[in-house]
């Protein structure tokens, strides 16, 4: 059984000091829904667990003229109960609602889902589609990184020793913009994505697509931003022809594996279908903004 040393600081600076000064492997804990399972799998390995739940600024979120300032430890259940956030970022809220069961959502957080760095994480494509970034704090101060650059591999992220995510910043969408997130799973609920797509679409006054971001999940070691898929829509009315080109671009960008939940060929096909549907939903929402 793993030997755990537990600390619960009440400030970001205290958490950084504990993580940076640890003489044994150290892990920050937000909700712990992934971390606790990972610790149970370890054998006779000591670990320092730094619980972040007592640090209020990491548990709260604000929405202002600049956008959403999301505390990485805010529970998903609290996050998606916020009507003000849902009205601006419906796709991001859709993604958060898919993280675990009702019981898990009372603990799990968007920040934890990001840092766990699963290729199938639901929140990551939705964050990328919304041009999100995160502020990382550590012994050397603060730095900012785009979400598409945060995850570096399967279960790996860019955090160095002593660093943690202080806030996730999601810019306020431009006028005529909305987003959507869709995934496909083998079961009807509570499963891991075979493929997932986050889409953000901006329409000008006559309904022409002026900007787009399309991000794919579960079809590569990390979530993928696909500029070719976005380019397929820009300058169009997001019509059926443009959506077919987008679907082909998404399928071409995917680099999936074959496993018990689906073959690589199947995943490539499904992610193209999802990209078309997510973009269509985002465009329809944008027309209503």
Protein backbone atom coordinates (compact mmCIF):
# COMPACT_ATOMS: atom_id res chain seq x y z
CA UNK A 1 0.00 0.00 0.00
CA UNK A 2 1.23 3.49 -0.80
CA UNK A 3 2.42 5.64 2.11
CA UNK A 4 0.78 9.06 1.89
CA UNK A 5 1.88 12.26 3.60
CA UNK A 6 -1.08 14.66 3.60
CA UNK A 7 -0.94 18.46 3.73
CA UNK A 8 -3.76 21.00 3.28
CA UNK A 9 -2.36 24.54 2.93
CA UNK A 10 -4.65 27.57 2.89
CA UNK A 11 -2.72 29.65 0.34
CA UNK A 12 -1.27 29.23 -3.14
CA UNK A 13 2.14 30.22 -1.84
CA UNK A 14 1.93 27.54 0.84
CA UNK A 15 0.99 24.90 -1.72
CA UNK A 16 3.86 25.90 -4.00
CA UNK A 17 6.32 25.76 -1.11
CA UNK A 18 5.17 22.25 -0.14
CA UNK A 19 5.32 20.94 -3.70
CA UNK A 20 8.67 22.56 -4.44
CA UNK A 21 10.30 21.44 -1.20
CA UNK A 22 9.08 17.85 -1.23
CA UNK A 23 11.76 15.16 -0.85
CA UNK A 24 9.37 12.48 -2.13
CA UNK A 25 7.04 12.51 -5.18
CA UNK A 26 4.36 15.17 -4.63
CA UNK A 27 0.93 15.55 -6.21
CA UNK A 28 -1.62 18.35 -5.85
CA UNK A 29 -5.17 17.19 -5.10
CA UNK A 30 -8.19 19.11 -6.38
CA UNK A 31 -11.06 16.62 -6.37
CA UNK A 32 -8.93 13.50 -6.26
CA UNK A 33 -11.25 11.41 -8.43
CA UNK A 34 -8.33 10.33 -10.64
CA UNK A 35 -5.47 10.84 -8.20
CA UNK A 36 -6.82 8.54 -5.48
CA UNK A 37 -7.24 5.68 -7.95
CA UNK A 38 -3.70 6.25 -9.23
CA UNK A 39 -2.30 6.21 -5.69
CA UNK A 40 -4.09 2.95 -4.92
CA UNK A 41 -2.26 1.33 -7.81
CA UNK A 42 1.16 2.26 -6.42
CA UNK A 43 3.10 -0.26 -4.33
CA UNK A 44 5.15 0.84 -1.33
CA UNK A 45 5.90 4.24 -2.85
CA UNK A 46 5.69 7.26 -0.53
CA UNK A 47 3.84 10.31 -1.86
CA UNK A 48 3.09 13.80 -0.61
CA UNK A 49 -0.52 14.79 -1.37
CA UNK A 50 -1.15 18.54 -1.22
CA UNK A 51 -4.89 19.16 -0.88
CA UNK A 52 -5.92 22.42 -2.56
CA UNK A 53 -9.51 22.55 -1.30
CA UNK A 54 -8.76 25.04 1.48
CA UNK A 55 -7.40 27.61 -0.99
CA UNK A 56 -10.50 29.66 -1.75
CA UNK A 57 -9.19 31.37 -4.90
CA UNK A 58 -8.70 27.96 -6.55
CA UNK A 59 -12.28 26.91 -5.79
CA UNK A 60 -14.09 29.96 -7.17
CA UNK A 61 -14.90 31.32 -10.62
CA UNK A 62 -15.85 34.77 -11.86
CA UNK A 63 -17.31 35.96 -15.16
CA UNK A 64 -16.68 39.54 -16.23
CA UNK A 65 -16.23 41.63 -19.38
CA UNK A 66 -12.90 39.94 -20.13
CA UNK A 67 -14.27 36.42 -19.81
CA UNK A 68 -14.28 33.49 -17.43
CA UNK A 69 -11.69 33.18 -14.66
CA UNK A 70 -12.13 29.56 -13.65
CA UNK A 71 -10.67 28.30 -10.39
CA UNK A 72 -9.15 24.92 -11.29
CA UNK A 73 -10.54 23.23 -8.18
CA UNK A 74 -14.16 24.33 -8.61
CA UNK A 75 -16.34 21.21 -8.60
CA UNK A 76 -17.98 20.39 -11.93
CA UNK A 77 -21.41 20.25 -10.27
CA UNK A 78 -21.01 23.83 -9.08
CA UNK A 79 -19.55 24.93 -12.41
CA UNK A 80 -22.38 23.67 -14.59
CA UNK A 81 -25.03 24.95 -12.19
CA UNK A 82 -23.95 28.52 -13.04
CA UNK A 83 -26.49 29.87 -15.52
CA UNK A 84 -24.32 32.90 -16.25
CA UNK A 85 -21.47 30.66 -17.41
CA UNK A 86 -23.79 28.38 -19.38
CA UNK A 87 -25.25 31.32 -21.27
CA UNK A 88 -21.82 32.37 -22.56
CA UNK A 89 -20.05 29.00 -22.91
CA UNK A 90 -22.72 26.33 -23.49
CA UNK A 91 -20.25 23.92 -25.07
CA UNK A 92 -17.79 24.16 -22.22
CA UNK A 93 -20.60 23.47 -19.75
CA UNK A 94 -21.69 20.49 -21.89
CA UNK A 95 -18.19 19.07 -21.58
CA UNK A 96 -18.08 19.55 -17.79
CA UNK A 97 -21.41 17.78 -17.42
CA UNK A 98 -19.91 14.66 -19.00
CA UNK A 99 -17.06 14.30 -16.49
CA UNK A 100 -18.03 11.30 -14.36
CA UNK A 101 -21.24 10.41 -12.56
CA UNK A 102 -23.38 12.67 -10.41
CA UNK A 103 -21.42 11.57 -7.33
CA UNK A 104 -18.06 12.18 -9.04
CA UNK A 105 -19.12 15.62 -10.26
CA UNK A 106 -19.40 16.81 -6.68
CA UNK A 107 -15.62 16.41 -6.38
CA UNK A 108 -14.17 16.40 -9.90
CA UNK A 109 -13.08 19.69 -11.43
CA UNK A 110 -12.26 21.06 -14.86
CA UNK A 111 -8.75 21.85 -13.63
CA UNK A 112 -8.25 18.29 -12.44
CA UNK A 113 -9.58 16.91 -15.72
CA UNK A 114 -7.06 19.11 -17.53
CA UNK A 115 -4.08 18.22 -15.35
CA UNK A 116 -4.82 14.49 -15.45
CA UNK A 117 -4.07 14.81 -19.17
CA UNK A 118 -6.13 11.90 -20.44
CA UNK A 119 -6.39 11.83 -24.26
CA UNK A 120 -10.15 11.32 -23.78
CA UNK A 121 -10.68 14.17 -21.29
CA UNK A 122 -13.92 15.95 -22.16
CA UNK A 123 -13.01 19.42 -20.95
CA UNK A 124 -9.81 19.83 -22.97
CA UNK A 125 -11.24 20.04 -26.53
CA UNK A 126 -13.93 22.42 -25.26
CA UNK A 127 -11.32 24.64 -23.59
CA UNK A 128 -9.14 24.65 -26.71
CA UNK A 129 -12.10 25.54 -28.92
CA UNK A 130 -12.70 28.56 -26.66
CA UNK A 131 -9.05 29.74 -26.90
CA UNK A 132 -8.52 29.13 -23.19
CA UNK A 133 -5.18 29.44 -21.42
CA UNK A 134 -4.03 28.80 -17.89
CA UNK A 135 -1.86 30.72 -15.47
CA UNK A 136 0.73 28.48 -13.84
CA UNK A 137 2.37 29.51 -10.58
CA UNK A 138 5.53 28.02 -9.12
CA UNK A 139 8.82 28.76 -7.37
CA UNK A 140 9.97 30.97 -10.27
CA UNK A 141 6.75 33.00 -10.44
CA UNK A 142 3.90 32.92 -12.94
CA UNK A 143 3.66 31.91 -16.58
CA UNK A 144 0.78 31.55 -19.03
CA UNK A 145 0.28 28.77 -21.55
CA UNK A 146 -2.42 27.98 -24.10
CA UNK A 147 -4.45 24.89 -23.25
CA UNK A 148 -3.47 23.21 -26.52
CA UNK A 149 0.16 23.34 -25.33
CA UNK A 150 -0.48 22.31 -21.71
CA UNK A 151 -0.83 18.55 -22.23
CA UNK A 152 2.41 17.07 -23.54
CA UNK A 153 1.51 13.37 -23.77
CA UNK A 154 -0.70 10.63 -22.39
CA UNK A 155 -1.05 11.44 -18.69
CA UNK A 156 1.64 14.11 -18.96
CA UNK A 157 1.51 17.90 -18.72
CA UNK A 158 3.93 20.81 -18.72
CA UNK A 159 3.91 21.45 -14.95
CA UNK A 160 7.37 21.47 -13.41
CA UNK A 161 8.35 20.70 -9.81
CA UNK A 162 6.48 22.97 -7.44
CA UNK A 163 4.08 24.30 -10.07
CA UNK A 164 0.29 24.24 -10.11
CA UNK A 165 -2.50 25.77 -12.19
CA UNK A 166 -3.71 28.94 -10.49
CA UNK A 167 -6.53 29.87 -12.86
CA UNK A 168 -7.97 28.88 -16.24
CA UNK A 169 -8.74 31.94 -18.37
CA UNK A 170 -11.41 31.69 -21.08
CA UNK A 171 -11.81 34.89 -23.11
CA UNK A 172 -15.30 36.28 -23.59
CA UNK A 173 -16.52 35.30 -27.07
CA UNK A 174 -16.89 37.95 -29.74
CA UNK A 175 -20.37 38.96 -30.84
CA UNK A 176 -21.96 36.31 -33.03
CA UNK A 177 -19.95 33.50 -31.42
CA UNK A 178 -20.99 30.31 -29.71
CA UNK A 179 -19.58 26.86 -28.99
CA UNK A 180 -20.57 23.20 -28.68
CA UNK A 181 -19.07 19.93 -27.47
CA UNK A 182 -20.03 16.44 -28.54
CA UNK A 183 -18.56 13.02 -27.81
CA UNK A 184 -19.33 9.43 -28.75
CA UNK A 185 -19.21 6.64 -26.15
CA UNK A 186 -19.99 2.91 -26.43
CA UNK A 187 -22.55 3.05 -23.62
CA UNK A 188 -25.37 5.51 -23.07
CA UNK A 189 -23.64 7.28 -20.16
CA UNK A 190 -20.66 7.25 -17.78
CA UNK A 191 -18.07 6.04 -20.26
CA UNK A 192 -14.83 7.26 -21.80
CA UNK A 193 -15.00 9.02 -25.15
CA UNK A 194 -14.21 7.08 -28.31
CA UNK A 195 -14.00 10.52 -29.93
CA UNK A 196 -14.88 14.04 -28.86
CA UNK A 197 -15.06 17.43 -30.60
CA UNK A 198 -15.15 21.00 -29.33
CA UNK A 199 -16.21 23.71 -31.77
CA UNK A 200 -16.42 27.49 -31.61
CA UNK A 201 -17.96 29.43 -34.50
CA UNK A 202 -18.16 33.19 -35.13
CA UNK A 203 -20.67 34.49 -37.68
CA UNK A 204 -20.80 37.99 -39.09
CA UNK A 205 -24.00 39.97 -39.59
CA UNK A 206 -25.00 38.16 -42.77
CA UNK A 207 -24.35 34.69 -41.31
CA UNK A 208 -20.98 34.11 -42.94
CA UNK A 209 -18.40 32.32 -40.80
CA UNK A 210 -15.72 34.83 -39.83
CA UNK A 211 -13.72 32.63 -37.43
CA UNK A 212 -13.72 29.09 -36.11
CA UNK A 213 -11.79 26.74 -33.85
CA UNK A 214 -12.19 22.96 -33.99
CA UNK A 215 -10.51 20.67 -31.46
CA UNK A 216 -10.52 16.87 -31.38
CA UNK A 217 -10.24 14.60 -28.36
CA UNK A 218 -9.59 10.86 -27.87
CA UNK A 219 -8.11 10.43 -31.36
CA UNK A 220 -4.45 11.20 -30.60
CA UNK A 221 -2.14 11.21 -27.56
CA UNK A 222 -3.30 14.77 -26.85
CA UNK A 223 -6.26 16.89 -27.93
CA UNK A 224 -5.70 18.41 -31.38
CA UNK A 225 -6.49 21.88 -32.69
CA UNK A 226 -7.29 21.47 -36.40
CA UNK A 227 -6.81 24.72 -38.38
CA UNK A 228 -7.73 22.97 -41.65
CA UNK A 229 -11.15 22.10 -40.24
CA UNK A 230 -11.71 25.70 -39.18
CA UNK A 231 -10.55 27.00 -42.55
CA UNK A 232 -13.15 24.81 -44.26
CA UNK A 233 -15.86 26.94 -42.65
CA UNK A 234 -14.43 30.45 -42.85
CA UNK A 235 -16.08 32.47 -45.59
CA UNK A 236 -19.01 30.05 -45.88
CA UNK A 237 -22.53 30.00 -44.47
CA UNK A 238 -21.61 26.80 -42.59
CA UNK A 239 -23.67 24.92 -45.14
CA UNK A 240 -23.70 21.20 -45.84
CA UNK A 241 -20.89 21.40 -48.38
CA UNK A 242 -18.60 23.27 -45.99
CA UNK A 243 -19.43 20.86 -43.17
CA UNK A 244 -18.45 17.89 -45.34
CA UNK A 245 -15.06 19.48 -46.05
CA UNK A 246 -14.67 20.12 -42.30
CA UNK A 247 -15.51 16.49 -41.52
CA UNK A 248 -12.88 15.26 -43.96
CA UNK A 249 -10.28 17.61 -42.46
CA UNK A 250 -11.07 16.40 -38.94
CA UNK A 251 -10.82 12.74 -39.96
CA UNK A 252 -7.52 13.41 -41.74
CA UNK A 253 -6.04 15.12 -38.68
CA UNK A 254 -6.94 12.26 -36.31
CA UNK A 255 -4.21 9.83 -35.27
CA UNK A 256 -6.17 7.29 -33.23
CA UNK A 257 -5.30 3.87 -31.89
CA UNK A 258 -7.32 0.67 -32.04
CA UNK A 259 -8.49 -0.73 -28.72
CA UNK A 260 -11.46 -2.55 -27.23
CA UNK A 261 -13.65 0.53 -27.57
CA UNK A 262 -13.07 1.05 -31.29
CA UNK A 263 -10.68 0.62 -34.20
CA UNK A 264 -8.57 3.47 -35.52
CA UNK A 265 -10.58 3.49 -38.75
CA UNK A 266 -13.83 3.71 -36.80
CA UNK A 267 -12.55 6.57 -34.66
CA UNK A 268 -11.44 8.54 -37.71
CA UNK A 269 -14.91 8.22 -39.20
CA UNK A 270 -16.73 9.07 -35.96
CA UNK A 271 -14.64 12.15 -35.22
CA UNK A 272 -15.49 13.55 -38.66
CA UNK A 273 -19.20 13.04 -38.02
CA UNK A 274 -18.94 14.63 -34.58
CA UNK A 275 -16.98 17.60 -35.96
CA UNK A 276 -19.72 18.26 -38.51
CA UNK A 277 -22.46 18.04 -35.87
CA UNK A 278 -20.62 20.12 -33.25
CA UNK A 279 -19.84 22.87 -35.76
CA UNK A 280 -23.45 22.88 -36.95
CA UNK A 281 -24.72 23.19 -33.36
CA UNK A 282 -22.25 25.97 -32.55
CA UNK A 283 -23.26 27.86 -35.70
CA UNK A 284 -26.95 27.52 -34.89
CA UNK A 285 -26.30 28.91 -31.41
CA UNK A 286 -24.22 31.74 -32.87
CA UNK A 287 -27.13 32.72 -35.12
CA UNK A 288 -29.18 33.23 -31.98
CA UNK A 289 -26.58 35.47 -30.29
